[in-house]
C-alpha atoms as a PDB file:
ATOM      1  CA  MET A   1       0.180   0.108  -0.148  1.00  0.00           C
ATOM      2  CA  GLY A   2       0.977   3.369  -1.114  1.00  0.00           C
ATOM      3  CA  ARG A   3       0.825   6.427   1.497  1.00  0.00           C
ATOM      4  CA  PRO A   4      -1.997   8.502   2.396  1.00  0.00           C
ATOM      5  CA  GLY A   5      -2.506  10.791  -0.151  1.00  0.00           C
ATOM      6  CA  HIS A   6      -0.682   9.335  -3.172  1.00  0.00           C
ATOM      7  CA  THR A   7      -2.513   6.582  -5.060  1.00  0.00           C
ATOM      8  CA  ARG A   8       0.155   4.004  -7.769  1.00  0.00           C
ATOM      9  CA  ARG A   9      -0.891   3.957 -10.852  1.00  0.00           C
ATOM     10  CA  ASN A  10       0.073   0.129 -12.437  1.00  0.00           C
ATOM     11  CA  SER A  11      -1.727   0.527 -15.564  1.00  0.00           C
ATOM     12  CA  SER A  12      -1.904   2.196 -18.686  1.00  0.00           C
ATOM     13  CA  SER A  13      -5.607   4.260 -19.624  1.00  0.00           C
ATOM     14  CA  LEU A  14      -7.351   3.563 -22.928  1.00  0.00           C
ATOM     15  CA  LEU A  15      -7.159   7.094 -23.523  1.00  0.00           C
ATOM     16  CA  GLU A  16      -3.064   6.485 -23.546  1.00  0.00           C
ATOM     17  CA  ILE A  17      -3.231   3.569 -25.590  1.00  0.00           C
ATOM     18  CA  VAL A  18      -5.530   4.800 -28.294  1.00  0.00           C
ATOM     19  CA  MET A  19      -2.567   8.033 -28.581  1.00  0.00           C
ATOM     20  CA  VAL A  20       0.230   5.443 -28.809  1.00  0.00           C
ATOM     21  CA  VAL A  21      -1.934   3.469 -31.775  1.00  0.00           C
ATOM     22  CA  VAL A  22      -2.509   6.962 -33.183  1.00  0.00           C
ATOM     23  CA  VAL A  23       1.021   8.249 -33.522  1.00  0.00           C
ATOM     24  CA  ILE A  24       1.664   5.062 -34.927  1.00  0.00           C
ATOM     25  CA  THR A  25      -0.859   4.806 -36.884  1.00  0.00           C
ATOM     26  CA  ILE A  26       0.182   8.398 -38.249  1.00  0.00           C
ATOM     27  CA  LEU A  27       3.807   7.406 -38.724  1.00  0.00           C
ATOM     28  CA  ALA A  28       3.141   3.683 -40.863  1.00  0.00           C
ATOM     29  CA  ALA A  29       0.539   6.429 -42.854  1.00  0.00           C
ATOM     30  CA  THR A  30       3.995   8.914 -44.507  1.00  0.00           C
ATOM     31  CA  SER A  31       7.013   6.375 -44.077  1.00  0.00           C
ATOM     32  CA  ILE A  32       5.574   3.281 -46.178  1.00  0.00           C
ATOM     33  CA  PRO A  33       4.392   5.574 -49.171  1.00  0.00           C
ATOM     34  CA  ARG A  34       8.115   6.775 -49.184  1.00  0.00           C
ATOM     35  CA  MET A  35       9.892   2.980 -48.691  1.00  0.00           C
ATOM     36  CA  SER A  36       8.144   2.142 -52.010  1.00  0.00           C
ATOM     37  CA  ARG A  37       8.924   4.896 -54.116  1.00  0.00           C
ATOM     38  CA  GLY A  38      12.886   4.453 -52.851  1.00  0.00           C
ATOM     39  CA  SER A  39      12.951   1.492 -55.497  1.00  0.00           C
ATOM     40  CA  GLY A  40      12.489   3.813 -58.351  1.00  0.00           C
ATOM     41  CA  ASP A  41      13.814   6.941 -57.329  1.00  0.00           C
ATOM     42  CA  ALA A  42      17.690   4.434 -56.740  1.00  0.00           C
ATOM     43  CA  ASN A  43      17.471   4.963 -60.358  1.00  0.00           C
ATOM     44  CA  ASP A  44      17.517   8.767 -60.684  1.00  0.00           C
ATOM     45  CA  LEU A  45      20.299   9.712 -58.527  1.00  0.00           C
ATOM     46  CA  PRO A  46      22.599   7.204 -60.522  1.00  0.00           C
ATOM     47  CA  VAL A  47      22.002   8.432 -63.374  1.00  0.00           C
ATOM     48  CA  SER A  48      21.692  11.939 -63.094  1.00  0.00           C
ATOM     49  CA  SER A  49      25.278  11.837 -61.019  1.00  0.00           C
ATOM     50  CA  GLY A  50      26.556  10.143 -63.620  1.00  0.00           C
ATOM     51  CA  LEU A  51      25.738  12.441 -66.344  1.00  0.00           C
ATOM     52  CA  ALA A  52      27.191  15.458 -63.944  1.00  0.00           C
ATOM     53  CA  ALA A  53      30.434  13.406 -63.654  1.00  0.00           C
ATOM     54  CA  LEU A  54      30.882  13.071 -67.354  1.00  0.00           C
ATOM     55  CA  ARG A  55      29.327  16.275 -68.352  1.00  0.00           C
ATOM     56  CA  ASN A  56      31.598  18.074 -65.828  1.00  0.00           C
ATOM     57  CA  ALA A  57      34.697  15.839 -67.034  1.00  0.00           C
ATOM     58  CA  ILE A  58      33.697  17.259 -70.712  1.00  0.00           C
ATOM     59  CA  ASP A  59      33.658  20.810 -69.589  1.00  0.00           C
ATOM     60  CA  LEU A  60      36.862  20.481 -68.134  1.00  0.00           C
ATOM     61  CA  TYR A  61      38.280  19.193 -70.702  1.00  0.00           C
ATOM     62  CA  CYS A  62      36.921  21.585 -72.998  1.00  0.00           C
ATOM     63  CA  ALA A  63      37.848  24.139 -70.991  1.00  0.00           C
ATOM     64  CA  GLU A  64      41.853  22.667 -70.838  1.00  0.00           C
ATOM     65  CA  HIS A  65      41.879  22.131 -74.431  1.00  0.00           C
ATOM     66  CA  GLY A  66      41.220  25.276 -76.451  1.00  0.00           C
ATOM     67  CA  GLY A  67      37.449  24.909 -76.157  1.00  0.00           C
ATOM     68  CA  ALA A  68      37.456  21.529 -78.059  1.00  0.00           C
ATOM     69  CA  PHE A  69      35.422  18.827 -77.022  1.00  0.00           C
ATOM     70  CA  PRO A  70      36.786  15.180 -76.841  1.00  0.00           C
ATOM     71  CA  ALA A  71      36.781  13.057 -79.766  1.00  0.00           C
ATOM     72  CA  ALA A  72      33.617  10.677 -80.402  1.00  0.00           C
ATOM     73  CA  ALA A  73      36.355   7.751 -81.067  1.00  0.00           C
ATOM     74  CA  GLY A  74      38.905   8.605 -78.159  1.00  0.00           C
ATOM     75  CA  ILE A  75      36.277  10.022 -75.495  1.00  0.00           C
ATOM     76  CA  HIS A  76      36.543   6.842 -73.266  1.00  0.00           C
ATOM     77  CA  ASP A  77      40.663   7.402 -72.308  1.00  0.00           C
ATOM     78  CA  GLN A  78      40.860  11.350 -73.220  1.00  0.00           C
ATOM     79  CA  LEU A  79      38.787  11.764 -69.910  1.00  0.00           C
ATOM     80  CA  THR A  80      40.224   8.928 -68.322  1.00  0.00           C
ATOM     81  CA  GLN A  81      43.909   8.917 -68.574  1.00  0.00           C
ATOM     82  CA  TYR A  82      46.174  12.395 -69.825  1.00  0.00           C
ATOM     83  CA  THR A  83      45.945  14.435 -72.304  1.00  0.00           C
ATOM     84  CA  ASP A  84      47.958  17.306 -74.046  1.00  0.00           C
ATOM     85  CA  LEU A  85      46.728  20.216 -75.963  1.00  0.00           C
ATOM     86  CA  SER A  86      45.999  18.566 -78.798  1.00  0.00           C
ATOM     87  CA  GLY A  87      44.080  15.650 -77.128  1.00  0.00           C
ATOM     88  CA  ALA A  88      46.635  12.548 -77.916  1.00  0.00           C
ATOM     89  CA  VAL A  89      46.846  10.454 -75.084  1.00  0.00           C
ATOM     90  CA  SER A  90      49.263   9.169 -72.409  1.00  0.00           C
ATOM     91  CA  THR A  91      48.721   6.663 -69.754  1.00  0.00           C
ATOM     92  CA  THR A  92      51.784   8.669 -67.754  1.00  0.00           C
ATOM     93  CA  LYS A  93      51.513  12.686 -67.081  1.00  0.00           C
ATOM     94  CA  THR A  94      54.368  13.478 -69.020  1.00  0.00           C
ATOM     95  CA  VAL A  95      56.240  16.927 -70.267  1.00  0.00           C
ATOM     96  CA  THR A  96      53.907  17.626 -72.670  1.00  0.00           C
ATOM     97  CA  HIS A  97      50.559  15.152 -71.235  1.00  0.00           C
ATOM     98  CA  VAL A  98      49.486  17.893 -68.617  1.00  0.00           C
ATOM     99  CA  CYS A  99      46.151  17.361 -68.925  1.00  0.00           C
ATOM    100  CA  GLY A 100      43.620  15.385 -67.217  1.00  0.00           C
ATOM    101  CA  PRO A 101      42.621  12.266 -66.051  1.00  0.00           C
ATOM    102  CA  TYR A 102      39.429  14.063 -65.670  1.00  0.00           C
ATOM    103  CA  LEU A 103      37.472  10.497 -63.897  1.00  0.00           C
ATOM    104  CA  ARG A 104      39.051   7.867 -62.677  1.00  0.00           C
ATOM    105  CA  SER A 105      36.550   5.458 -65.165  1.00  0.00           C
ATOM    106  CA  ILE A 106      33.579   6.210 -66.634  1.00  0.00           C
ATOM    107  CA  PRO A 107      29.946   5.043 -64.988  1.00  0.00           C
ATOM    108  CA  PRO A 108      28.339   2.448 -65.457  1.00  0.00           C
ATOM    109  CA  LEU A 109      24.944   3.256 -66.797  1.00  0.00           C
ATOM    110  CA  PRO A 110      22.478   1.635 -63.935  1.00  0.00           C
ATOM    111  CA  VAL A 111      19.483   1.326 -65.795  1.00  0.00           C
ATOM    112  CA  GLY A 112      18.061   0.107 -68.813  1.00  0.00           C
ATOM    113  CA  VAL A 113      18.940  -2.637 -71.495  1.00  0.00           C
ATOM    114  CA  ARG A 114      22.474  -1.189 -71.402  1.00  0.00           C
ATOM    115  CA  LYS A 115      22.562  -1.226 -67.568  1.00  0.00           C
ATOM    116  CA  GLY A 116      25.622  -1.599 -66.013  1.00  0.00           C
ATOM    117  CA  MET A 117      27.235  -0.973 -69.594  1.00  0.00           C
ATOM    118  CA  SER A 118      30.490   2.227 -69.367  1.00  0.00           C
ATOM    119  CA  GLY A 119      30.963   2.992 -72.988  1.00  0.00           C
ATOM    120  CA  ILE A 120      30.129   6.328 -74.565  1.00  0.00           C
ATOM    121  CA  GLY A 121      29.516   6.049 -78.092  1.00  0.00           C
ATOM    122  CA  ALA A 122      28.030   8.428 -81.353  1.00  0.00           C
ATOM    123  CA  GLY A 123      25.408   5.302 -81.516  1.00  0.00           C
ATOM    124  CA  ASP A 124      23.988   2.817 -79.983  1.00  0.00           C
ATOM    125  CA  ALA A 125      25.719  -0.992 -79.473  1.00  0.00           C
ATOM    126  CA  ASN A 126      25.786  -3.151 -77.554  1.00  0.00           C
ATOM    127  CA  ASP A 127      28.525  -2.110 -75.114  1.00  0.00           C
ATOM    128  CA  VAL A 128      27.193   2.001 -75.112  1.00  0.00           C
ATOM    129  CA  GLY A 129      25.956   3.005 -72.008  1.00  0.00           C
ATOM    130  CA  TRP A 130      26.036   6.717 -72.508  1.00  0.00           C
ATOM    131  CA  LEU A 131      25.755   8.439 -76.057  1.00  0.00           C
ATOM    132  CA  TYR A 132      28.164  11.478 -77.140  1.00  0.00           C
ATOM    133  CA  THR A 133      27.773  14.170 -79.356  1.00  0.00           C
ATOM    134  CA  GLU A 134      31.511  15.710 -80.229  1.00  0.00           C
ATOM    135  CA  ALA A 135      30.302  18.675 -81.865  1.00  0.00           C
ATOM    136  CA  SER A 136      28.228  19.973 -79.076  1.00  0.00           C
ATOM    137  CA  GLY A 137      29.775  17.493 -76.397  1.00  0.00           C
ATOM    138  CA  LYS A 138      26.569  16.671 -75.063  1.00  0.00           C
ATOM    139  CA  ILE A 139      26.221  13.357 -73.592  1.00  0.00           C
ATOM    140  CA  THR A 140      22.920  11.141 -72.677  1.00  0.00           C
ATOM    141  CA  ALA A 141      21.488   8.306 -71.487  1.00  0.00           C
ATOM    142  CA  ASN A 142      21.491   5.292 -73.678  1.00  0.00           C
ATOM    143  CA  THR A 143      18.208   4.462 -72.958  1.00  0.00           C
ATOM    144  CA  THR A 144      14.786   4.446 -75.117  1.00  0.00           C
ATOM    145  CA  THR A 145      11.633   3.625 -73.217  1.00  0.00           C
ATOM    146  CA  GLU A 146      12.754   3.903 -69.584  1.00  0.00           C
ATOM    147  CA  VAL A 147      11.233   6.534 -67.369  1.00  0.00           C
ATOM    148  CA  ASP A 148      11.784   7.844 -63.843  1.00  0.00           C
ATOM    149  CA  ASP A 149       8.633   8.069 -61.331  1.00  0.00           C
ATOM    150  CA  ALA A 150       7.662  11.203 -63.071  1.00  0.00           C
ATOM    151  CA  ARG A 151       7.166   9.841 -66.353  1.00  0.00           C
ATOM    152  CA  LYS A 152      10.850  12.199 -67.182  1.00  0.00           C
ATOM    153  CA  PRO A 153      12.827   9.964 -70.001  1.00  0.00           C
ATOM    154  CA  TYR A 154      16.350   8.928 -68.498  1.00  0.00           C
ATOM    155  CA  LYS A 155      17.722   9.638 -72.290  1.00  0.00           C
ATOM    156  CA  ASP A 156      16.327  13.670 -71.388  1.00  0.00           C
ATOM    157  CA  TYR A 157      18.149  13.900 -67.943  1.00  0.00           C
END
């Protein structure tokens, strides 16, 4: 028995239990839709970040090579190795090959039929993950019908 004037409380009231259930329901209602969207959004960030890395590397190359973009035929090596001012490639830094490398490796395409491919080409091929236009320096994902959750095609990123 307790002291006079003090009551012992050993159980929760019905109101407290209802409040806990309401809080759990609210948390579940807000968390579950976010978790279900997570798998779709999981592709958006890798496509965006891969393109951002490639675009930054192309822009840096262009800045260091007098406004010239990497050659479509040699872009992989020109972005991942040392180059001279004319764009000639070397695996090591030399007196003349002072530019680059701009990337350690070309990121693989994370979506679509060409998922996992890190090749860069002017046109579609089995090993081409990224499509490149030498004249403008534009690079896009090599996808055709794949879209993000907002229905935006990955090729338009």
